[in-house]
Amino acid sequence: MISPGVTHLGIDLTPLLRRHQECDWSQMCAADVELNKQALANGEAIISQYHVITLMRKTVMVTIMTEDDRSYTMMFIEGEPAMMPAG
C-alpha cells in the first residue's frame, strides 16, 4: 500500500522497496537497526526509513513498514497515518 503523500512525491519507489527487502537500514539509528534484526528473527513487523529528495528539491522521510505476518507492506511519509488494508 502506498499512501497519497508518497504517491505525490513523484519519485521511483523501486529503490526504496529494494533496500527495505535487502535489510538496508543505513539511514536508521543503531537501536532501530537492532530492533529490526530482532523482528526478523521473531516474526515481527519491520520498519525502514529513508530520506528522499522530491522533484521540488525538498527532503522527506519515507517510512516503509512490513507487517509481522508479511501479508502487506505500507509506505507513508512523516505526518501521515499508517494505512491499513481494507478488510
Protein backbone atom coordinates (compact mmCIF):
# COMPACT_ATOMS: atom_id res chain seq x y z
CA MET A 1 0.00 0.00 0.00
CA ILE A 2 1.28 3.42 -0.91
CA SER A 3 -0.14 6.47 0.83
CA PRO A 4 -1.31 9.53 -1.09
CA GLY A 5 1.63 11.52 0.29
CA VAL A 6 4.16 9.06 -1.08
CA THR A 7 2.35 8.89 -4.42
CA HIS A 8 2.51 12.68 -4.73
CA LEU A 9 6.28 12.70 -4.26
CA GLY A 10 6.59 11.74 -7.92
CA ILE A 11 9.67 9.55 -7.42
CA ASP A 12 10.58 5.99 -8.35
CA LEU A 13 9.86 3.90 -5.25
CA THR A 14 11.55 0.74 -6.51
CA PRO A 15 14.98 1.52 -5.00
CA LEU A 16 13.41 2.13 -1.58
CA LEU A 17 11.47 -1.12 -1.66
CA ARG A 18 14.60 -2.98 -2.75
CA ARG A 19 16.59 -1.50 0.14
CA HIS A 20 13.81 -2.48 2.56
CA GLN A 21 13.75 -6.05 1.21
CA GLU A 22 17.54 -6.29 1.43
CA CYS A 23 17.57 -5.06 5.05
CA ASP A 24 19.44 -1.85 4.19
CA TRP A 25 18.69 0.23 7.25
CA SER A 26 21.67 2.55 6.83
CA GLN A 27 19.63 5.70 7.49
CA MET A 28 18.31 4.43 10.83
CA CYS A 29 19.90 4.66 14.26
CA ALA A 30 21.69 1.63 15.71
CA ALA A 31 18.89 0.92 18.19
CA ASP A 32 16.27 0.76 15.42
CA VAL A 33 18.51 -1.45 13.30
CA GLU A 34 18.82 -3.85 16.23
CA LEU A 35 15.01 -3.84 16.68
CA ASN A 36 14.62 -4.78 13.01
CA LYS A 37 17.13 -7.61 13.35
CA GLN A 38 15.18 -8.94 16.32
CA ALA A 39 11.92 -8.51 14.40
CA LEU A 40 13.27 -10.63 11.55
CA ALA A 41 14.26 -13.39 13.95
CA ASN A 42 10.96 -13.24 15.87
CA GLY A 43 8.49 -12.73 13.01
CA GLU A 44 7.57 -9.17 14.00
CA ALA A 45 6.90 -6.05 11.92
CA ILE A 46 9.88 -4.47 10.15
CA ILE A 47 10.23 -0.72 9.67
CA SER A 48 12.63 1.13 7.37
CA GLN A 49 13.06 4.88 6.93
CA TYR A 50 14.74 6.70 4.08
CA HIS A 51 15.37 10.35 3.35
CA VAL A 52 14.43 11.17 -0.24
CA ILE A 53 14.68 14.34 -2.27
CA THR A 54 11.50 15.19 -4.13
CA LEU A 55 11.25 16.67 -7.60
CA MET A 56 10.74 20.03 -5.84
CA ARG A 57 14.11 19.56 -4.06
CA LYS A 58 12.50 19.00 -0.66
CA THR A 59 13.87 16.32 1.67
CA VAL A 60 11.17 13.99 3.00
CA MET A 61 11.33 10.91 5.24
CA VAL A 62 9.60 7.88 3.70
CA THR A 63 8.70 5.08 6.10
CA ILE A 64 8.19 1.52 4.88
CA MET A 65 6.58 -0.99 7.20
CA THR A 66 6.02 -4.70 6.58
CA GLU A 67 3.56 -6.38 8.92
CA ASP A 68 4.61 -9.25 11.16
CA ASP A 69 2.82 -11.87 9.05
CA ARG A 70 4.42 -10.35 5.89
CA SER A 71 0.96 -10.07 4.32
CA TYR A 72 1.47 -6.47 3.23
CA THR A 73 3.88 -3.56 3.16
CA MET A 74 2.94 0.10 3.59
CA MET A 75 4.76 3.26 2.52
CA PHE A 76 3.96 6.64 4.04
CA ILE A 77 5.62 9.96 4.84
CA GLU A 78 6.10 11.78 8.12
CA GLY A 79 2.84 13.14 9.48
CA GLU A 80 0.66 10.68 7.58
CA PRO A 81 -1.12 7.92 9.46
CA ALA A 82 -0.10 4.39 8.59
CA MET A 83 -2.75 2.98 6.28
CA MET A 84 -4.24 -0.44 6.91
CA PRO A 85 -5.61 -2.64 4.12
CA ALA A 86 -9.37 -2.92 3.88
CA GLY A 87 -10.79 -5.88 5.32
